[in-house]
Amino acid sequence: MSIGSKVKERRKELGLTQEELANRLKTTKQTIYKYENEIVTNLPSDRIEQLAKALDTTPQYLMGWVEIEIASTKGLTAEQIKKVNKYIEKLKGAK
């Protein structure tokens, strides 16, 4: 699944409109449309991080590096997030 597809899917799971997501990112609805429809595909890493935060997920999930989405990182410390990511990497290696 592409980054754009994951952004769109996650946005809808959260019940957000493109405009609401755009507001969270201080951008436009048109920009979100372009991300979701793969018109803009070369996203810088800082933008992927911003998208992940706005969508309450991880950059790793958006990039397709992990197959399991962490439903929410809200309320977790940076150390806890690192542990979860390490566990996911371990799972991937066990395949």
PDB file of N, CA and C in Angstrom:
ATOM      1  N   MET A   1       0.851  -1.170   0.000  1.00  0.00           N
ATOM      2  CA  MET A   1       0.000   0.000   0.000  1.00  0.00           C
ATOM      3  C   MET A   1       0.898   1.235   0.000  1.00  0.00           C
ATOM      4  N   SER A   2       0.562   2.235  -0.779  1.00  0.00           N
ATOM      5  CA  SER A   2       1.369   3.445  -0.910  1.00  0.00           C
ATOM      6  C   SER A   2       1.173   4.383   0.281  1.00  0.00           C
ATOM      7  N   ILE A   3       2.082   5.342   0.421  1.00  0.00           N
ATOM      8  CA  ILE A   3       1.950   6.350   1.482  1.00  0.00           C
ATOM      9  C   ILE A   3       0.618   7.072   1.341  1.00  0.00           C
ATOM     10  N   GLY A   4       0.294   7.470   0.130  1.00  0.00           N
ATOM     11  CA  GLY A   4      -0.961   8.194  -0.100  1.00  0.00           C
ATOM     12  C   GLY A   4      -2.175   7.390   0.325  1.00  0.00           C
ATOM     13  N   SER A   5      -2.167   6.116   0.007  1.00  0.00           N
ATOM     14  CA  SER A   5      -3.280   5.240   0.404  1.00  0.00           C
ATOM     15  C   SER A   5      -3.369   5.118   1.917  1.00  0.00           C
ATOM     16  N   LYS A   6      -2.212   5.007   2.564  1.00  0.00           N
ATOM     17  CA  LYS A   6      -2.198   4.883   4.017  1.00  0.00           C
ATOM     18  C   LYS A   6      -2.663   6.173   4.679  1.00  0.00           C
ATOM     19  N   VAL A   7      -2.256   7.309   4.121  1.00  0.00           N
ATOM     20  CA  VAL A   7      -2.701   8.598   4.656  1.00  0.00           C
ATOM     21  C   VAL A   7      -4.221   8.692   4.554  1.00  0.00           C
ATOM     22  N   LYS A   8      -4.747   8.373   3.394  1.00  0.00           N
ATOM     23  CA  LYS A   8      -6.196   8.460   3.186  1.00  0.00           C
ATOM     24  C   LYS A   8      -6.942   7.502   4.110  1.00  0.00           C
ATOM     25  N   GLU A   9      -6.478   6.265   4.188  1.00  0.00           N
ATOM     26  CA  GLU A   9      -7.134   5.260   5.021  1.00  0.00           C
ATOM     27  C   GLU A   9      -7.129   5.691   6.491  1.00  0.00           C
ATOM     28  N   ARG A  10      -5.965   6.141   6.970  1.00  0.00           N
ATOM     29  CA  ARG A  10      -5.846   6.542   8.378  1.00  0.00           C
ATOM     30  C   ARG A  10      -6.697   7.783   8.661  1.00  0.00           C
ATOM     31  N   ARG A  11      -6.703   8.733   7.726  1.00  0.00           N
ATOM     32  CA  ARG A  11      -7.509   9.952   7.879  1.00  0.00           C
ATOM     33  C   ARG A  11      -8.978   9.573   8.047  1.00  0.00           C
ATOM     34  N   LYS A  12      -9.438   8.661   7.212  1.00  0.00           N
ATOM     35  CA  LYS A  12     -10.838   8.232   7.280  1.00  0.00           C
ATOM     36  C   LYS A  12     -11.122   7.464   8.575  1.00  0.00           C
ATOM     37  N   GLU A  13     -10.171   6.629   9.025  1.00  0.00           N
ATOM     38  CA  GLU A  13     -10.345   5.910  10.291  1.00  0.00           C
ATOM     39  C   GLU A  13     -10.554   6.879  11.450  1.00  0.00           C
ATOM     40  N   LEU A  14      -9.862   8.004  11.380  1.00  0.00           N
ATOM     41  CA  LEU A  14      -9.968   9.011  12.439  1.00  0.00           C
ATOM     42  C   LEU A  14     -11.175   9.924  12.255  1.00  0.00           C
ATOM     43  N   GLY A  15     -11.870   9.772  11.129  1.00  0.00           N
ATOM     44  CA  GLY A  15     -13.047  10.601  10.871  1.00  0.00           C
ATOM     45  C   GLY A  15     -12.708  12.029  10.509  1.00  0.00           C
ATOM     46  N   LEU A  16     -11.530  12.221   9.925  1.00  0.00           N
ATOM     47  CA  LEU A  16     -11.093  13.560   9.537  1.00  0.00           C
ATOM     48  C   LEU A  16     -11.389  13.832   8.069  1.00  0.00           C
ATOM     49  N   THR A  17     -11.702  15.067   7.768  1.00  0.00           N
ATOM     50  CA  THR A  17     -11.805  15.486   6.370  1.00  0.00           C
ATOM     51  C   THR A  17     -10.414  15.887   5.896  1.00  0.00           C
ATOM     52  N   GLN A  18     -10.264  16.031   4.603  1.00  0.00           N
ATOM     53  CA  GLN A  18      -8.982  16.512   4.069  1.00  0.00           C
ATOM     54  C   GLN A  18      -8.674  17.899   4.626  1.00  0.00           C
ATOM     55  N   GLU A  19      -9.692  18.715   4.769  1.00  0.00           N
ATOM     56  CA  GLU A  19      -9.501  20.070   5.287  1.00  0.00           C
ATOM     57  C   GLU A  19      -9.037  20.044   6.748  1.00  0.00           C
ATOM     58  N   GLU A  20      -9.611  19.147   7.549  1.00  0.00           N
ATOM     59  CA  GLU A  20      -9.200  19.050   8.956  1.00  0.00           C
ATOM     60  C   GLU A  20      -7.751  18.580   9.073  1.00  0.00           C
ATOM     61  N   LEU A  21      -7.378  17.611   8.249  1.00  0.00           N
ATOM     62  CA  LEU A  21      -5.986  17.161   8.255  1.00  0.00           C
ATOM     63  C   LEU A  21      -5.066  18.279   7.789  1.00  0.00           C
ATOM     64  N   ALA A  22      -5.486  18.987   6.771  1.00  0.00           N
ATOM     65  CA  ALA A  22      -4.699  20.119   6.269  1.00  0.00           C
ATOM     66  C   ALA A  22      -4.481  21.157   7.371  1.00  0.00           C
ATOM     67  N   ASN A  23      -5.513  21.437   8.142  1.00  0.00           N
ATOM     68  CA  ASN A  23      -5.389  22.399   9.236  1.00  0.00           C
ATOM     69  C   ASN A  23      -4.379  21.937  10.273  1.00  0.00           C
ATOM     70  N   ARG A  24      -4.369  20.654  10.567  1.00  0.00           N
ATOM     71  CA  ARG A  24      -3.403  20.108  11.522  1.00  0.00           C
ATOM     72  C   ARG A  24      -1.975  20.286  11.031  1.00  0.00           C
ATOM     73  N   LEU A  25      -1.812  20.245   9.706  1.00  0.00           N
ATOM     74  CA  LEU A  25      -0.474  20.345   9.101  1.00  0.00           C
ATOM     75  C   LEU A  25      -0.136  21.751   8.630  1.00  0.00           C
ATOM     76  N   LYS A  26      -1.086  22.673   8.833  1.00  0.00           N
ATOM     77  CA  LYS A  26      -0.899  24.063   8.373  1.00  0.00           C
ATOM     78  C   LYS A  26      -0.609  24.109   6.872  1.00  0.00           C
ATOM     79  N   THR A  27      -1.444  23.392   6.128  1.00  0.00           N
ATOM     80  CA  THR A  27      -1.337  23.367   4.673  1.00  0.00           C
ATOM     81  C   THR A  27      -2.742  23.463   4.095  1.00  0.00           C
ATOM     82  N   THR A  28      -2.900  23.096   2.835  1.00  0.00           N
ATOM     83  CA  THR A  28      -4.208  23.217   2.184  1.00  0.00           C
ATOM     84  C   THR A  28      -4.841  21.854   1.923  1.00  0.00           C
ATOM     85  N   LYS A  29      -6.130  21.886   1.736  1.00  0.00           N
ATOM     86  CA  LYS A  29      -6.883  20.672   1.384  1.00  0.00           C
ATOM     87  C   LYS A  29      -6.348  20.094   0.071  1.00  0.00           C
ATOM     88  N   GLN A  30      -5.971  20.962  -0.847  1.00  0.00           N
ATOM     89  CA  GLN A  30      -5.445  20.529  -2.137  1.00  0.00           C
ATOM     90  C   GLN A  30      -4.150  19.728  -1.976  1.00  0.00           C
ATOM     91  N   THR A  31      -3.321  20.149  -1.018  1.00  0.00           N
ATOM     92  CA  THR A  31      -2.074  19.428  -0.769  1.00  0.00           C
ATOM     93  C   THR A  31      -2.362  18.018  -0.261  1.00  0.00           C
ATOM     94  N   ILE A  32      -3.319  17.897   0.649  1.00  0.00           N
ATOM     95  CA  ILE A  32      -3.692  16.583   1.167  1.00  0.00           C
ATOM     96  C   ILE A  32      -4.221  15.719   0.026  1.00  0.00           C
ATOM     97  N   TYR A  33      -5.040  16.307  -0.826  1.00  0.00           N
ATOM     98  CA  TYR A  33      -5.568  15.591  -1.997  1.00  0.00           C
ATOM     99  C   TYR A  33      -4.407  15.060  -2.849  1.00  0.00           C
ATOM    100  N   LYS A  34      -3.400  15.892  -3.056  1.00  0.00           N
ATOM    101  CA  LYS A  34      -2.250  15.496  -3.872  1.00  0.00           C
ATOM    102  C   LYS A  34      -1.462  14.359  -3.219  1.00  0.00           C
ATOM    103  N   TYR A  35      -1.323  14.394  -1.893  1.00  0.00           N
ATOM    104  CA  TYR A  35      -0.644  13.300  -1.195  1.00  0.00           C
ATOM    105  C   TYR A  35      -1.429  12.004  -1.367  1.00  0.00           C
ATOM    106  N   GLU A  36      -2.732  12.071  -1.109  1.00  0.00           N
ATOM    107  CA  GLU A  36      -3.568  10.873  -1.129  1.00  0.00           C
ATOM    108  C   GLU A  36      -3.705  10.263  -2.518  1.00  0.00           C
ATOM    109  N   ASN A  37      -3.610  11.082  -3.534  1.00  0.00           N
ATOM    110  CA  ASN A  37      -3.778  10.600  -4.904  1.00  0.00           C
ATOM    111  C   ASN A  37      -2.466  10.453  -5.655  1.00  0.00           C
ATOM    112  N   GLU A  38      -1.361  10.428  -4.892  1.00  0.00           N
ATOM    113  CA  GLU A  38      -0.031  10.163  -5.452  1.00  0.00           C
ATOM    114  C   GLU A  38       0.399  11.169  -6.513  1.00  0.00           C
ATOM    115  N   ILE A  39      -0.134  12.385  -6.431  1.00  0.00           N
ATOM    116  CA  ILE A  39       0.314  13.448  -7.340  1.00  0.00           C
ATOM    117  C   ILE A  39       1.648  13.981  -6.827  1.00  0.00           C
ATOM    118  N   VAL A  40       1.766  14.088  -5.517  1.00  0.00           N
ATOM    119  CA  VAL A  40       3.026  14.416  -4.862  1.00  0.00           C
ATOM    120  C   VAL A  40       3.490  13.136  -4.178  1.00  0.00           C
ATOM    121  N   THR A  41       4.631  12.620  -4.595  1.00  0.00           N
ATOM    122  CA  THR A  41       5.100  11.345  -4.054  1.00  0.00           C
ATOM    123  C   THR A  41       6.429  11.449  -3.318  1.00  0.00           C
ATOM    124  N   ASN A  42       7.193  12.476  -3.577  1.00  0.00           N
ATOM    125  CA  ASN A  42       8.516  12.601  -2.976  1.00  0.00           C
ATOM    126  C   ASN A  42       8.425  13.486  -1.731  1.00  0.00           C
ATOM    127  N   LEU A  43       7.857  12.921  -0.659  1.00  0.00           N
ATOM    128  CA  LEU A  43       7.670  13.687   0.566  1.00  0.00           C
ATOM    129  C   LEU A  43       8.950  13.681   1.392  1.00  0.00           C
ATOM    130  N   PRO A  44       9.363  14.862   1.879  1.00  0.00           N
ATOM    131  CA  PRO A  44      10.543  14.883   2.750  1.00  0.00           C
ATOM    132  C   PRO A  44      10.244  14.200   4.078  1.00  0.00           C
ATOM    133  N   SER A  45      11.286  13.716   4.739  1.00  0.00           N
ATOM    134  CA  SER A  45      11.097  12.966   5.981  1.00  0.00           C
ATOM    135  C   SER A  45      10.401  13.782   7.059  1.00  0.00           C
ATOM    136  N   ASP A  46      10.676  15.079   7.123  1.00  0.00           N
ATOM    137  CA  ASP A  46      10.012  15.881   8.147  1.00  0.00           C
ATOM    138  C   ASP A  46       8.505  15.962   7.898  1.00  0.00           C
ATOM    139  N   ARG A  47       8.091  15.959   6.646  1.00  0.00           N
ATOM    140  CA  ARG A  47       6.662  15.996   6.330  1.00  0.00           C
ATOM    141  C   ARG A  47       6.005  14.660   6.661  1.00  0.00           C
ATOM    142  N   ILE A  48       6.717  13.565   6.434  1.00  0.00           N
ATOM    143  CA  ILE A  48       6.188  12.250   6.793  1.00  0.00           C
ATOM    144  C   ILE A  48       6.007  12.166   8.307  1.00  0.00           C
ATOM    145  N   GLU A  49       6.959  12.702   9.047  1.00  0.00           N
ATOM    146  CA  GLU A  49       6.842  12.725  10.511  1.00  0.00           C
ATOM    147  C   GLU A  49       5.640  13.563  10.940  1.00  0.00           C
ATOM    148  N   GLN A  50       5.431  14.709  10.301  1.00  0.00           N
ATOM    149  CA  GLN A  50       4.286  15.560  10.626  1.00  0.00           C
ATOM    150  C   GLN A  50       2.972  14.855  10.313  1.00  0.00           C
ATOM    151  N   LEU A  51       2.923  14.188   9.170  1.00  0.00           N
ATOM    152  CA  LEU A  51       1.727  13.433   8.794  1.00  0.00           C
ATOM    153  C   LEU A  51       1.444  12.333   9.812  1.00  0.00           C
ATOM    154  N   ALA A  52       2.471  11.607  10.193  1.00  0.00           N
ATOM    155  CA  ALA A  52       2.302  10.523  11.163  1.00  0.00           C
ATOM    156  C   ALA A  52       1.754  11.061  12.478  1.00  0.00           C
ATOM    157  N   LYS A  53       2.312  12.157  12.944  1.00  0.00           N
ATOM    158  CA  LYS A  53       1.844  12.747  14.197  1.00  0.00           C
ATOM    159  C   LYS A  53       0.392  13.195  14.074  1.00  0.00           C
ATOM    160  N   ALA A  54       0.055  13.860  12.975  1.00  0.00           N
ATOM    161  CA  ALA A  54      -1.313  14.343  12.763  1.00  0.00           C
ATOM    162  C   ALA A  54      -2.306  13.198  12.638  1.00  0.00           C
ATOM    163  N   LEU A  55      -1.831  12.047  12.143  1.00  0.00           N
ATOM    164  CA  LEU A  55      -2.691  10.881  11.946  1.00  0.00           C
ATOM    165  C   LEU A  55      -2.572   9.873  13.086  1.00  0.00           C
ATOM    166  N   ASP A  56      -1.853  10.256  14.128  1.00  0.00           N
ATOM    167  CA  ASP A  56      -1.708   9.421  15.314  1.00  0.00           C
ATOM    168  C   ASP A  56      -1.213   8.024  14.964  1.00  0.00           C
ATOM    169  N   THR A  57      -0.137   7.994  14.168  1.00  0.00           N
ATOM    170  CA  THR A  57       0.503   6.728  13.797  1.00  0.00           C
ATOM    171  C   THR A  57       2.002   6.960  13.756  1.00  0.00           C
ATOM    172  N   THR A  58       2.733   6.099  13.082  1.00  0.00           N
ATOM    173  CA  THR A  58       4.186   6.227  13.022  1.00  0.00           C
ATOM    174  C   THR A  58       4.649   6.458  11.585  1.00  0.00           C
ATOM    175  N   PRO A  59       5.795   7.120  11.433  1.00  0.00           N
ATOM    176  CA  PRO A  59       6.367   7.257  10.096  1.00  0.00           C
ATOM    177  C   PRO A  59       6.668   5.884   9.474  1.00  0.00           C
ATOM    178  N   GLN A  60       7.069   4.936  10.310  1.00  0.00           N
ATOM    179  CA  GLN A  60       7.390   3.597   9.817  1.00  0.00           C
ATOM    180  C   GLN A  60       6.179   2.956   9.149  1.00  0.00           C
ATOM    181  N   TYR A  61       5.008   3.152   9.741  1.00  0.00           N
ATOM    182  CA  TYR A  61       3.796   2.588   9.146  1.00  0.00           C
ATOM    183  C   TYR A  61       3.490   3.270   7.814  1.00  0.00           C
ATOM    184  N   LEU A  62       3.561   4.607   7.796  1.00  0.00           N
ATOM    185  CA  LEU A  62       3.255   5.329   6.553  1.00  0.00           C
ATOM    186  C   LEU A  62       4.216   4.942   5.433  1.00  0.00           C
ATOM    187  N   MET A  63       5.470   4.702   5.784  1.00  0.00           N
ATOM    188  CA  MET A  63       6.474   4.348   4.780  1.00  0.00           C
ATOM    189  C   MET A  63       6.370   2.893   4.326  1.00  0.00           C
ATOM    190  N   GLY A  64       5.599   2.092   5.045  1.00  0.00           N
ATOM    191  CA  GLY A  64       5.469   0.690   4.675  1.00  0.00           C
ATOM    192  C   GLY A  64       6.577  -0.174   5.229  1.00  0.00           C
ATOM    193  N   TRP A  65       7.312   0.344   6.202  1.00  0.00           N
ATOM    194  CA  TRP A  65       8.405  -0.419   6.798  1.00  0.00           C
ATOM    195  C   TRP A  65       7.908  -1.435   7.808  1.00  0.00           C
ATOM    196  N   VAL A  66       6.711  -1.211   8.309  1.00  0.00           N
ATOM    197  CA  VAL A  66       6.087  -2.178   9.220  1.00  0.00           C
ATOM    198  C   VAL A  66       4.703  -2.472   8.679  1.00  0.00           C
ATOM    199  N   GLU A  67       4.284  -3.701   8.849  1.00  0.00           N
ATOM    200  CA  GLU A  67       2.972  -4.098   8.346  1.00  0.00           C
ATOM    201  C   GLU A  67       1.885  -3.887   9.383  1.00  0.00           C
ATOM    202  N   ILE A  68       2.300  -3.758  10.640  1.00  0.00           N
ATOM    203  CA  ILE A  68       1.351  -3.592  11.726  1.00  0.00           C
ATOM    204  C   ILE A  68       1.303  -2.125  12.093  1.00  0.00           C
ATOM    205  N   GLU A  69       0.119  -1.574  12.121  1.00  0.00           N
ATOM    206  CA  GLU A  69      -0.019  -0.190  12.548  1.00  0.00           C
ATOM    207  C   GLU A  69      -0.212  -0.140  14.045  1.00  0.00           C
ATOM    208  N   ILE A  70       0.503   0.754  14.678  1.00  0.00           N
ATOM    209  CA  ILE A  70       0.261   1.013  16.093  1.00  0.00           C
ATOM    210  C   ILE A  70      -0.945   1.928  16.120  1.00  0.00           C
ATOM    211  N   ALA A  71      -2.006   1.468  16.722  1.00  0.00           N
ATOM    212  CA  ALA A  71      -3.266   2.214  16.703  1.00  0.00           C
ATOM    213  C   ALA A  71      -3.082   3.620  17.228  1.00  0.00           C
ATOM    214  N   SER A  72      -2.277   3.792  18.253  1.00  0.00           N
ATOM    215  CA  SER A  72      -2.093   5.117  18.810  1.00  0.00           C
ATOM    216  C   SER A  72      -0.783   5.176  19.569  1.00  0.00           C
ATOM    217  N   THR A  73      -0.054   6.252  19.374  1.00  0.00           N
ATOM    218  CA  THR A  73       1.147   6.476  20.159  1.00  0.00           C
ATOM    219  C   THR A  73       0.898   7.595  21.163  1.00  0.00           C
ATOM    220  N   LYS A  74      -0.309   8.137  21.146  1.00  0.00           N
ATOM    221  CA  LYS A  74      -0.652   9.202  22.077  1.00  0.00           C
ATOM    222  C   LYS A  74      -0.531   8.686  23.500  1.00  0.00           C
ATOM    223  N   GLY A  75       0.123   9.448  24.334  1.00  0.00           N
ATOM    224  CA  GLY A  75       0.262   9.063  25.730  1.00  0.00           C
ATOM    225  C   GLY A  75       1.481   8.204  26.006  1.00  0.00           C
ATOM    226  N   LEU A  76       2.163   7.757  24.957  1.00  0.00           N
ATOM    227  CA  LEU A  76       3.370   6.955  25.153  1.00  0.00           C
ATOM    228  C   LEU A  76       4.583   7.872  25.219  1.00  0.00           C
ATOM    229  N   THR A  77       5.535   7.496  26.027  1.00  0.00           N
ATOM    230  CA  THR A  77       6.781   8.243  26.081  1.00  0.00           C
ATOM    231  C   THR A  77       7.639   7.868  24.881  1.00  0.00           C
ATOM    232  N   ALA A  78       8.641   8.659  24.620  1.00  0.00           N
ATOM    233  CA  ALA A  78       9.554   8.362  23.510  1.00  0.00           C
ATOM    234  C   ALA A  78      10.211   7.001  23.725  1.00  0.00           C
ATOM    235  N   GLU A  79      10.549   6.689  24.963  1.00  0.00           N
ATOM    236  CA  GLU A  79      11.163   5.402  25.274  1.00  0.00           C
ATOM    237  C   GLU A  79      10.207   4.244  24.991  1.00  0.00           C
ATOM    238  N   GLN A  80       8.935   4.410  25.329  1.00  0.00           N
ATOM    239  CA  GLN A  80       7.947   3.367  25.064  1.00  0.00           C
ATOM    240  C   GLN A  80       7.762   3.161  23.562  1.00  0.00           C
ATOM    241  N   ILE A  81       7.751   4.240  22.815  1.00  0.00           N
ATOM    242  CA  ILE A  81       7.613   4.145  21.356  1.00  0.00           C
ATOM    243  C   ILE A  81       8.813   3.402  20.773  1.00  0.00           C
ATOM    244  N   LYS A  82      10.011   3.682  21.273  1.00  0.00           N
ATOM    245  CA  LYS A  82      11.208   2.981  20.809  1.00  0.00           C
ATOM    246  C   LYS A  82      11.094   1.480  21.079  1.00  0.00           C
ATOM    247  N   LYS A  83      10.577   1.132  22.260  1.00  0.00           N
ATOM    248  CA  LYS A  83      10.427  -0.284  22.607  1.00  0.00           C
ATOM    249  C   LYS A  83       9.423  -0.971  21.687  1.00  0.00           C
ATOM    250  N   VAL A  84       8.329  -0.286  21.403  1.00  0.00           N
ATOM    251  CA  VAL A  84       7.321  -0.849  20.498  1.00  0.00           C
ATOM    252  C   VAL A  84       7.929  -1.045  19.120  1.00  0.00           C
ATOM    253  N   ASN A  85       8.653  -0.053  18.627  1.00  0.00           N
ATOM    254  CA  ASN A  85       9.274  -0.164  17.310  1.00  0.00           C
ATOM    255  C   ASN A  85      10.311  -1.285  17.270  1.00  0.00           C
ATOM    256  N   LYS A  86      11.063  -1.441  18.358  1.00  0.00           N
ATOM    257  CA  LYS A  86      12.052  -2.520  18.437  1.00  0.00           C
ATOM    258  C   LYS A  86      11.354  -3.883  18.393  1.00  0.00           C
ATOM    259  N   TYR A  87      10.230  -3.987  19.093  1.00  0.00           N
ATOM    260  CA  TYR A  87       9.450  -5.227  19.093  1.00  0.00           C
ATOM    261  C   TYR A  87       8.933  -5.537  17.690  1.00  0.00           C
ATOM    262  N   ILE A  88       8.447  -4.520  17.005  1.00  0.00           N
ATOM    263  CA  ILE A  88       7.935  -4.717  15.645  1.00  0.00           C
ATOM    264  C   ILE A  88       9.063  -5.179  14.725  1.00  0.00           C
ATOM    265  N   GLU A  89      10.233  -4.593  14.860  1.00  0.00           N
ATOM    266  CA  GLU A  89      11.384  -5.008  14.054  1.00  0.00           C
ATOM    267  C   GLU A  89      11.727  -6.470  14.339  1.00  0.00           C
ATOM    268  N   LYS A  90      11.629  -6.864  15.603  1.00  0.00           N
ATOM    269  CA  LYS A  90      11.889  -8.249  15.986  1.00  0.00           C
ATOM    270  C   LYS A  90      10.888  -9.181  15.317  1.00  0.00           C
ATOM    271  N   LEU A  91       9.625  -8.768  15.301  1.00  0.00           N
ATOM    272  CA  LEU A  91       8.585  -9.567  14.644  1.00  0.00           C
ATOM    273  C   LEU A  91       8.877  -9.721  13.157  1.00  0.00           C
ATOM    274  N   LYS A  92       9.287  -8.635  12.540  1.00  0.00           N
ATOM    275  CA  LYS A  92       9.592  -8.697  11.100  1.00  0.00           C
ATOM    276  C   LYS A  92      10.733  -9.663  10.820  1.00  0.00           C
ATOM    277  N   GLY A  93      11.730  -9.698  11.708  1.00  0.00           N
ATOM    278  CA  GLY A  93      12.875 -10.577  11.535  1.00  0.00           C
ATOM    279  C   GLY A  93      12.528 -12.045  11.739  1.00  0.00           C
ATOM    280  N   ALA A  94      11.435 -12.309  12.431  1.00  0.00           N
ATOM    281  CA  ALA A  94      11.041 -13.680  12.742  1.00  0.00           C
ATOM    282  C   ALA A  94      10.317 -14.351  11.586  1.00  0.00           C
ATOM    283  N   LYS A  95      10.040 -13.625  10.529  1.00  0.00           N
ATOM    284  CA  LYS A  95       9.298 -14.194   9.394  1.00  0.00           C
ATOM    285  C   LYS A  95      10.100 -15.204   8.640  1.00  0.00           C
TER     286      LYS A  95
END
